[in-house]
PDB file of N, CA and C in Angstrom:
ATOM      1  N   UNK A   1      -1.721  23.617  -5.903  1.00  0.00           N
ATOM      2  CA  UNK A   1      -0.697  23.888  -4.926  1.00  0.00           C
ATOM      3  C   UNK A   1       0.620  23.210  -5.282  1.00  0.00           C
ATOM      4  N   UNK A   2       0.664  22.483  -6.378  1.00  0.00           N
ATOM      5  CA  UNK A   2       1.866  21.761  -6.752  1.00  0.00           C
ATOM      6  C   UNK A   2       2.918  22.681  -7.346  1.00  0.00           C
ATOM      7  N   UNK A   3       2.545  23.801  -7.921  1.00  0.00           N
ATOM      8  CA  UNK A   3       3.485  24.692  -8.586  1.00  0.00           C
ATOM      9  C   UNK A   3       3.653  25.973  -7.771  1.00  0.00           C
ATOM     10  N   UNK A   4       4.347  25.869  -6.646  1.00  0.00           N
ATOM     11  CA  UNK A   4       4.531  27.013  -5.761  1.00  0.00           C
ATOM     12  C   UNK A   4       5.858  27.692  -6.039  1.00  0.00           C
ATOM     13  N   UNK A   5       5.826  29.012  -6.116  1.00  0.00           N
ATOM     14  CA  UNK A   5       7.050  29.790  -6.224  1.00  0.00           C
ATOM     15  C   UNK A   5       7.610  30.045  -4.834  1.00  0.00           C
ATOM     16  N   UNK A   6       8.724  30.721  -4.788  1.00  0.00           N
ATOM     17  CA  UNK A   6       9.383  30.981  -3.506  1.00  0.00           C
ATOM     18  C   UNK A   6       8.513  31.855  -2.604  1.00  0.00           C
ATOM     19  N   UNK A   7       7.848  32.866  -3.166  1.00  0.00           N
ATOM     20  CA  UNK A   7       6.993  33.716  -2.349  1.00  0.00           C
ATOM     21  C   UNK A   7       5.755  32.971  -1.870  1.00  0.00           C
ATOM     22  N   UNK A   8       5.245  32.060  -2.700  1.00  0.00           N
ATOM     23  CA  UNK A   8       4.104  31.252  -2.275  1.00  0.00           C
ATOM     24  C   UNK A   8       4.496  30.319  -1.129  1.00  0.00           C
ATOM     25  N   UNK A   9       5.703  29.768  -1.197  1.00  0.00           N
ATOM     26  CA  UNK A   9       6.173  28.897  -0.115  1.00  0.00           C
ATOM     27  C   UNK A   9       6.344  29.673   1.189  1.00  0.00           C
ATOM     28  N   UNK A  10       6.851  30.885   1.086  1.00  0.00           N
ATOM     29  CA  UNK A  10       7.016  31.716   2.282  1.00  0.00           C
ATOM     30  C   UNK A  10       5.645  32.048   2.866  1.00  0.00           C
ATOM     31  N   UNK A  11       4.679  32.357   2.001  1.00  0.00           N
ATOM     32  CA  UNK A  11       3.321  32.622   2.472  1.00  0.00           C
ATOM     33  C   UNK A  11       2.689  31.404   3.117  1.00  0.00           C
ATOM     34  N   UNK A  12       2.921  30.228   2.534  1.00  0.00           N
ATOM     35  CA  UNK A  12       2.395  28.995   3.120  1.00  0.00           C
ATOM     36  C   UNK A  12       3.025  28.725   4.480  1.00  0.00           C
ATOM     37  N   UNK A  13       4.324  28.954   4.583  1.00  0.00           N
ATOM     38  CA  UNK A  13       5.002  28.766   5.874  1.00  0.00           C
ATOM     39  C   UNK A  13       4.456  29.726   6.924  1.00  0.00           C
ATOM     40  N   UNK A  14       4.194  30.958   6.512  1.00  0.00           N
ATOM     41  CA  UNK A  14       3.608  31.924   7.449  1.00  0.00           C
ATOM     42  C   UNK A  14       2.219  31.509   7.902  1.00  0.00           C
ATOM     43  N   UNK A  15       1.432  30.964   6.982  1.00  0.00           N
ATOM     44  CA  UNK A  15       0.100  30.480   7.353  1.00  0.00           C
ATOM     45  C   UNK A  15       0.198  29.309   8.316  1.00  0.00           C
ATOM     46  N   UNK A  16       1.140  28.408   8.048  1.00  0.00           N
ATOM     47  CA  UNK A  16       1.295  27.237   8.915  1.00  0.00           C
ATOM     48  C   UNK A  16       1.762  27.611  10.314  1.00  0.00           C
ATOM     49  N   UNK A  17       2.578  28.665  10.417  1.00  0.00           N
ATOM     50  CA  UNK A  17       3.057  29.103  11.733  1.00  0.00           C
ATOM     51  C   UNK A  17       1.878  29.452  12.637  1.00  0.00           C
ATOM     52  N   UNK A  18       0.846  30.053  12.070  1.00  0.00           N
ATOM     53  CA  UNK A  18      -0.317  30.433  12.871  1.00  0.00           C
ATOM     54  C   UNK A  18      -1.369  29.330  12.921  1.00  0.00           C
ATOM     55  N   UNK A  19      -1.481  28.521  11.886  1.00  0.00           N
ATOM     56  CA  UNK A  19      -2.542  27.520  11.825  1.00  0.00           C
ATOM     57  C   UNK A  19      -2.227  26.272  12.653  1.00  0.00           C
ATOM     58  N   UNK A  20      -0.971  25.875  12.720  1.00  0.00           N
ATOM     59  CA  UNK A  20      -0.638  24.657  13.455  1.00  0.00           C
ATOM     60  C   UNK A  20      -0.985  24.733  14.946  1.00  0.00           C
ATOM     61  N   UNK A  21      -0.668  25.799  15.658  1.00  0.00           N
ATOM     62  CA  UNK A  21      -1.073  25.843  17.070  1.00  0.00           C
ATOM     63  C   UNK A  21      -2.596  25.816  17.251  1.00  0.00           C
ATOM     64  N   UNK A  22      -3.312  26.473  16.347  1.00  0.00           N
ATOM     65  CA  UNK A  22      -4.782  26.449  16.432  1.00  0.00           C
ATOM     66  C   UNK A  22      -5.287  25.038  16.192  1.00  0.00           C
ATOM     67  N   UNK A  23      -4.719  24.344  15.202  1.00  0.00           N
ATOM     68  CA  UNK A  23      -5.131  22.976  14.910  1.00  0.00           C
ATOM     69  C   UNK A  23      -4.815  22.016  16.040  1.00  0.00           C
ATOM     70  N   UNK A  24      -3.634  22.150  16.626  1.00  0.00           N
ATOM     71  CA  UNK A  24      -3.256  21.273  17.740  1.00  0.00           C
ATOM     72  C   UNK A  24      -4.154  21.526  18.945  1.00  0.00           C
ATOM     73  N   UNK A  25      -4.446  22.788  19.226  1.00  0.00           N
ATOM     74  CA  UNK A  25      -5.347  23.093  20.334  1.00  0.00           C
ATOM     75  C   UNK A  25      -6.741  22.535  20.062  1.00  0.00           C
ATOM     76  N   UNK A  26      -7.181  22.633  18.794  1.00  0.00           N
ATOM     77  CA  UNK A  26      -8.478  22.070  18.427  1.00  0.00           C
ATOM     78  C   UNK A  26      -8.508  20.557  18.609  1.00  0.00           C
ATOM     79  N   UNK A  27      -7.428  19.879  18.233  1.00  0.00           N
ATOM     80  CA  UNK A  27      -7.365  18.429  18.434  1.00  0.00           C
ATOM     81  C   UNK A  27      -7.369  18.076  19.920  1.00  0.00           C
ATOM     82  N   UNK A  28      -6.681  18.867  20.731  1.00  0.00           N
ATOM     83  CA  UNK A  28      -6.706  18.631  22.180  1.00  0.00           C
ATOM     84  C   UNK A  28      -8.116  18.799  22.741  1.00  0.00           C
ATOM     85  N   UNK A  29      -8.839  19.814  22.284  1.00  0.00           N
ATOM     86  CA  UNK A  29     -10.208  20.021  22.745  1.00  0.00           C
ATOM     87  C   UNK A  29     -11.102  18.860  22.291  1.00  0.00           C
ATOM     88  N   UNK A  30     -10.882  18.358  21.065  1.00  0.00           N
ATOM     89  CA  UNK A  30     -11.659  17.205  20.597  1.00  0.00           C
ATOM     90  C   UNK A  30     -11.406  15.989  21.465  1.00  0.00           C
ATOM     91  N   UNK A  31     -10.153  15.752  21.810  1.00  0.00           N
ATOM     92  CA  UNK A  31      -9.821  14.594  22.644  1.00  0.00           C
ATOM     93  C   UNK A  31     -10.336  14.748  24.069  1.00  0.00           C
ATOM     94  N   UNK A  32     -10.509  15.981  24.527  1.00  0.00           N
ATOM     95  CA  UNK A  32     -11.054  16.218  25.863  1.00  0.00           C
ATOM     96  C   UNK A  32     -12.572  16.155  25.894  1.00  0.00           C
ATOM     97  N   UNK A  33     -13.191  15.993  24.729  1.00  0.00           N
ATOM     98  CA  UNK A  33     -14.640  15.852  24.680  1.00  0.00           C
ATOM     99  C   UNK A  33     -15.394  17.115  24.302  1.00  0.00           C
ATOM    100  N   UNK A  34     -14.729  18.185  24.065  1.00  0.00           N
ATOM    101  CA  UNK A  34     -15.378  19.433  23.651  1.00  0.00           C
ATOM    102  C   UNK A  34     -15.436  19.457  22.120  1.00  0.00           C
ATOM    103  N   UNK A  35     -16.428  18.752  21.581  1.00  0.00           N
ATOM    104  CA  UNK A  35     -16.455  18.517  20.144  1.00  0.00           C
ATOM    105  C   UNK A  35     -16.733  19.779  19.334  1.00  0.00           C
ATOM    106  N   UNK A  36     -17.610  20.633  19.805  1.00  0.00           N
ATOM    107  CA  UNK A  36     -17.950  21.833  19.027  1.00  0.00           C
ATOM    108  C   UNK A  36     -16.763  22.774  18.961  1.00  0.00           C
ATOM    109  N   UNK A  37     -16.143  23.051  20.099  1.00  0.00           N
ATOM    110  CA  UNK A  37     -14.994  23.946  20.128  1.00  0.00           C
ATOM    111  C   UNK A  37     -13.825  23.340  19.357  1.00  0.00           C
ATOM    112  N   UNK A  38     -13.528  22.076  19.616  1.00  0.00           N
ATOM    113  CA  UNK A  38     -12.410  21.422  18.940  1.00  0.00           C
ATOM    114  C   UNK A  38     -12.606  21.326  17.440  1.00  0.00           C
ATOM    115  N   UNK A  39     -13.793  20.909  17.035  1.00  0.00           N
ATOM    116  CA  UNK A  39     -14.078  20.815  15.603  1.00  0.00           C
ATOM    117  C   UNK A  39     -14.029  22.164  14.924  1.00  0.00           C
ATOM    118  N   UNK A  40     -14.545  23.180  15.581  1.00  0.00           N
ATOM    119  CA  UNK A  40     -14.509  24.524  15.019  1.00  0.00           C
ATOM    120  C   UNK A  40     -13.088  25.034  14.854  1.00  0.00           C
ATOM    121  N   UNK A  41     -12.240  24.768  15.833  1.00  0.00           N
ATOM    122  CA  UNK A  41     -10.852  25.218  15.747  1.00  0.00           C
ATOM    123  C   UNK A  41     -10.077  24.471  14.659  1.00  0.00           C
ATOM    124  N   UNK A  42     -10.368  23.190  14.487  1.00  0.00           N
ATOM    125  CA  UNK A  42      -9.720  22.442  13.406  1.00  0.00           C
ATOM    126  C   UNK A  42     -10.153  22.991  12.049  1.00  0.00           C
ATOM    127  N   UNK A  43     -11.432  23.308  11.915  1.00  0.00           N
ATOM    128  CA  UNK A  43     -11.928  23.895  10.660  1.00  0.00           C
ATOM    129  C   UNK A  43     -11.271  25.250  10.413  1.00  0.00           C
ATOM    130  N   UNK A  44     -11.117  26.046  11.451  1.00  0.00           N
ATOM    131  CA  UNK A  44     -10.458  27.350  11.305  1.00  0.00           C
ATOM    132  C   UNK A  44      -9.001  27.165  10.876  1.00  0.00           C
ATOM    133  N   UNK A  45      -8.311  26.203  11.464  1.00  0.00           N
ATOM    134  CA  UNK A  45      -6.911  25.960  11.116  1.00  0.00           C
ATOM    135  C   UNK A  45      -6.773  25.521   9.656  1.00  0.00           C
ATOM    136  N   UNK A  46      -7.649  24.660   9.216  1.00  0.00           N
ATOM    137  CA  UNK A  46      -7.616  24.215   7.811  1.00  0.00           C
ATOM    138  C   UNK A  46      -7.912  25.394   6.891  1.00  0.00           C
ATOM    139  N   UNK A  47      -8.882  26.218   7.262  1.00  0.00           N
ATOM    140  CA  UNK A  47      -9.230  27.373   6.438  1.00  0.00           C
ATOM    141  C   UNK A  47      -8.087  28.380   6.378  1.00  0.00           C
ATOM    142  N   UNK A  48      -7.316  28.504   7.450  1.00  0.00           N
ATOM    143  CA  UNK A  48      -6.187  29.438   7.474  1.00  0.00           C
ATOM    144  C   UNK A  48      -5.114  29.047   6.463  1.00  0.00           C
ATOM    145  N   UNK A  49      -5.000  27.768   6.158  1.00  0.00           N
ATOM    146  CA  UNK A  49      -4.007  27.314   5.186  1.00  0.00           C
ATOM    147  C   UNK A  49      -4.613  27.232   3.785  1.00  0.00           C
ATOM    148  N   UNK A  50      -5.826  26.748   3.680  1.00  0.00           N
ATOM    149  CA  UNK A  50      -6.436  26.479   2.380  1.00  0.00           C
ATOM    150  C   UNK A  50      -6.887  27.746   1.658  1.00  0.00           C
ATOM    151  N   UNK A  51      -7.530  28.656   2.363  1.00  0.00           N
ATOM    152  CA  UNK A  51      -8.082  29.846   1.707  1.00  0.00           C
ATOM    153  C   UNK A  51      -7.027  30.738   1.047  1.00  0.00           C
ATOM    154  N   UNK A  52      -5.919  31.050   1.689  1.00  0.00           N
ATOM    155  CA  UNK A  52      -4.932  31.894   0.995  1.00  0.00           C
ATOM    156  C   UNK A  52      -4.346  31.241  -0.255  1.00  0.00           C
ATOM    157  N   UNK A  53      -4.361  29.922  -0.316  1.00  0.00           N
ATOM    158  CA  UNK A  53      -3.825  29.234  -1.488  1.00  0.00           C
ATOM    159  C   UNK A  53      -4.817  29.214  -2.643  1.00  0.00           C
ATOM    160  N   UNK A  54      -6.111  29.291  -2.348  1.00  0.00           N
ATOM    161  CA  UNK A  54      -7.118  29.151  -3.401  1.00  0.00           C
ATOM    162  C   UNK A  54      -7.730  30.474  -3.838  1.00  0.00           C
ATOM    163  N   UNK A  55      -7.805  31.447  -2.968  1.00  0.00           N
ATOM    164  CA  UNK A  55      -8.427  32.716  -3.326  1.00  0.00           C
ATOM    165  C   UNK A  55      -7.453  33.619  -4.065  1.00  0.00           C
ATOM    166  N   UNK A  56      -7.959  34.361  -5.015  1.00  0.00           N
ATOM    167  CA  UNK A  56      -7.167  35.358  -5.719  1.00  0.00           C
ATOM    168  C   UNK A  56      -7.440  36.712  -5.082  1.00  0.00           C
ATOM    169  N   UNK A  57      -6.384  37.362  -4.662  1.00  0.00           N
ATOM    170  CA  UNK A  57      -6.514  38.667  -4.026  1.00  0.00           C
ATOM    171  C   UNK A  57      -6.067  39.750  -5.007  1.00  0.00           C
ATOM    172  N   UNK A  58      -6.390  40.992  -4.729  1.00  0.00           N
ATOM    173  CA  UNK A  58      -5.926  42.066  -5.608  1.00  0.00           C
ATOM    174  C   UNK A  58      -4.399  42.129  -5.729  1.00  0.00           C
ATOM    175  N   UNK A  59      -3.684  41.675  -4.725  1.00  0.00           N
ATOM    176  CA  UNK A  59      -2.221  41.665  -4.791  1.00  0.00           C
ATOM    177  C   UNK A  59      -1.704  40.587  -5.742  1.00  0.00           C
ATOM    178  N   UNK A  60      -2.495  39.541  -6.021  1.00  0.00           N
ATOM    179  CA  UNK A  60      -2.083  38.465  -6.911  1.00  0.00           C
ATOM    180  C   UNK A  60      -2.269  38.815  -8.384  1.00  0.00           C
ATOM    181  N   UNK A  61      -3.179  39.713  -8.692  1.00  0.00           N
ATOM    182  CA  UNK A  61      -3.521  39.995 -10.083  1.00  0.00           C
ATOM    183  C   UNK A  61      -2.351  40.539 -10.913  1.00  0.00           C
ATOM    184  N   UNK A  62      -1.559  41.512 -10.439  1.00  0.00           N
ATOM    185  CA  UNK A  62      -0.448  41.982 -11.276  1.00  0.00           C
ATOM    186  C   UNK A  62       0.558  40.875 -11.597  1.00  0.00           C
ATOM    187  N   UNK A  63       0.832  40.015 -10.652  1.00  0.00           N
ATOM    188  CA  UNK A  63       1.756  38.906 -10.906  1.00  0.00           C
ATOM    189  C   UNK A  63       1.201  37.912 -11.906  1.00  0.00           C
ATOM    190  N   UNK A  64      -0.093  37.630 -11.833  1.00  0.00           N
ATOM    191  CA  UNK A  64      -0.719  36.719 -12.788  1.00  0.00           C
ATOM    192  C   UNK A  64      -0.703  37.301 -14.192  1.00  0.00           C
ATOM    193  N   UNK A  65      -0.996  38.582 -14.304  1.00  0.00           N
ATOM    194  CA  UNK A  65      -1.004  39.234 -15.615  1.00  0.00           C
ATOM    195  C   UNK A  65       0.413  39.281 -16.190  1.00  0.00           C
ATOM    196  N   UNK A  66       1.398  39.611 -15.361  1.00  0.00           N
ATOM    197  CA  UNK A  66       2.785  39.667 -15.831  1.00  0.00           C
ATOM    198  C   UNK A  66       3.270  38.279 -16.250  1.00  0.00           C
ATOM    199  N   UNK A  67       2.901  37.255 -15.503  1.00  0.00           N
ATOM    200  CA  UNK A  67       3.297  35.896 -15.859  1.00  0.00           C
ATOM    201  C   UNK A  67       2.700  35.460 -17.182  1.00  0.00           C
ATOM    202  N   UNK A  68       1.454  35.832 -17.431  1.00  0.00           N
ATOM    203  CA  UNK A  68       0.816  35.488 -18.700  1.00  0.00           C
ATOM    204  C   UNK A  68       1.461  36.246 -19.851  1.00  0.00           C
ATOM    205  N   UNK A  69       1.807  37.503 -19.626  1.00  0.00           N
ATOM    206  CA  UNK A  69       2.439  38.302 -20.680  1.00  0.00           C
ATOM    207  C   UNK A  69       3.829  37.767 -21.009  1.00  0.00           C
ATOM    208  N   UNK A  70       4.598  37.403 -20.011  1.00  0.00           N
ATOM    209  CA  UNK A  70       5.940  36.869 -20.245  1.00  0.00           C
ATOM    210  C   UNK A  70       5.847  35.535 -20.972  1.00  0.00           C
ATOM    211  N   UNK A  71       4.868  34.733 -20.633  1.00  0.00           N
ATOM    212  CA  UNK A  71       4.705  33.442 -21.289  1.00  0.00           C
ATOM    213  C   UNK A  71       4.371  33.561 -22.762  1.00  0.00           C
ATOM    214  N   UNK A  72       3.676  34.615 -23.150  1.00  0.00           N
ATOM    215  CA  UNK A  72       3.324  34.774 -24.557  1.00  0.00           C
ATOM    216  C   UNK A  72       4.422  35.478 -25.348  1.00  0.00           C
ATOM    217  N   UNK A  73       5.205  36.349 -24.701  1.00  0.00           N
ATOM    218  CA  UNK A  73       6.232  37.109 -25.400  1.00  0.00           C
ATOM    219  C   UNK A  73       7.537  36.320 -25.499  1.00  0.00           C
ATOM    220  N   UNK A  74       7.981  35.783 -24.394  1.00  0.00           N
ATOM    221  CA  UNK A  74       9.263  35.085 -24.356  1.00  0.00           C
ATOM    222  C   UNK A  74       9.039  33.585 -24.481  1.00  0.00           C
ATOM    223  N   UNK A  75       9.637  32.994 -25.494  1.00  0.00           N
ATOM    224  CA  UNK A  75       9.547  31.550 -25.687  1.00  0.00           C
ATOM    225  C   UNK A  75      10.830  30.903 -25.185  1.00  0.00           C
ATOM    226  N   UNK A  76      10.701  29.723 -24.613  1.00  0.00           N
ATOM    227  CA  UNK A  76      11.875  28.998 -24.159  1.00  0.00           C
ATOM    228  C   UNK A  76      12.569  28.361 -25.353  1.00  0.00           C
ATOM    229  N   UNK A  77      13.865  28.054 -25.246  1.00  0.00           N
ATOM    230  CA  UNK A  77      14.580  27.424 -26.370  1.00  0.00           C
ATOM    231  C   UNK A  77      13.957  26.089 -26.792  1.00  0.00           C
ATOM    232  N   UNK A  78      13.384  25.346 -25.841  1.00  0.00           N
ATOM    233  CA  UNK A  78      12.761  24.076 -26.187  1.00  0.00           C
ATOM    234  C   UNK A  78      11.565  24.298 -27.107  1.00  0.00           C
ATOM    235  N   UNK A  79      10.794  25.342 -26.857  1.00  0.00           N
ATOM    236  CA  UNK A  79       9.634  25.630 -27.696  1.00  0.00           C
ATOM    237  C   UNK A  79      10.076  26.025 -29.095  1.00  0.00           C
ATOM    238  N   UNK A  80      11.185  26.768 -29.202  1.00  0.00           N
ATOM    239  CA  UNK A  80      11.693  27.168 -30.506  1.00  0.00           C
ATOM    240  C   UNK A  80      12.189  25.955 -31.289  1.00  0.00           C
ATOM    241  N   UNK A  81      12.881  25.031 -30.608  1.00  0.00           N
ATOM    242  CA  UNK A  81      13.382  23.837 -31.279  1.00  0.00           C
ATOM    243  C   UNK A  81      12.251  22.952 -31.781  1.00  0.00           C
ATOM    244  N   UNK A  82      11.200  22.813 -30.975  1.00  0.00           N
ATOM    245  CA  UNK A  82      10.054  22.017 -31.389  1.00  0.00           C
ATOM    246  C   UNK A  82       9.374  22.634 -32.610  1.00  0.00           C
ATOM    247  N   UNK A  83       9.284  23.937 -32.627  1.00  0.00           N
ATOM    248  CA  UNK A  83       8.634  24.625 -33.729  1.00  0.00           C
ATOM    249  C   UNK A  83       9.459  24.481 -35.017  1.00  0.00           C
ATOM    250  N   UNK A  84      10.795  24.548 -34.910  1.00  0.00           N
ATOM    251  CA  UNK A  84      11.656  24.420 -36.085  1.00  0.00           C
ATOM    252  C   UNK A  84      11.619  22.988 -36.640  1.00  0.00           C
ATOM    253  N   UNK A  85      11.533  22.013 -35.777  1.00  0.00           N
ATOM    254  CA  UNK A  85      11.521  20.627 -36.222  1.00  0.00           C
ATOM    255  C   UNK A  85      10.221  20.198 -36.865  1.00  0.00           C
ATOM    256  N   UNK A  86       9.128  20.874 -36.547  1.00  0.00           N
ATOM    257  CA  UNK A  86       7.830  20.468 -37.083  1.00  0.00           C
ATOM    258  C   UNK A  86       7.577  21.027 -38.466  1.00  0.00           C
ATOM    259  N   UNK A  87       8.346  22.022 -38.899  1.00  0.00           N
ATOM    260  CA  UNK A  87       8.115  22.648 -40.204  1.00  0.00           C
ATOM    261  C   UNK A  87       8.847  21.968 -41.307  1.00  0.00           C
TER     262      UNK A  87
END
């Protein structure tokens, strides 16, 4: 999760918009003594943020393939300089 692009950040923000109220409500239920409901809601809130960041969906595959192709075809100037200096 350390290397997020702009679209990933927007997706994370969208997940947090829905997950934070669920998590806060779950914490309130835990503090009121309803441990099963509160704990379940906290787990759901965590899953709402964690799962979209870790799972690969069919919509992610074209971007991953394009990123790998660009990385192999286009070299950055730093990579070219390192290669010239080592020969």
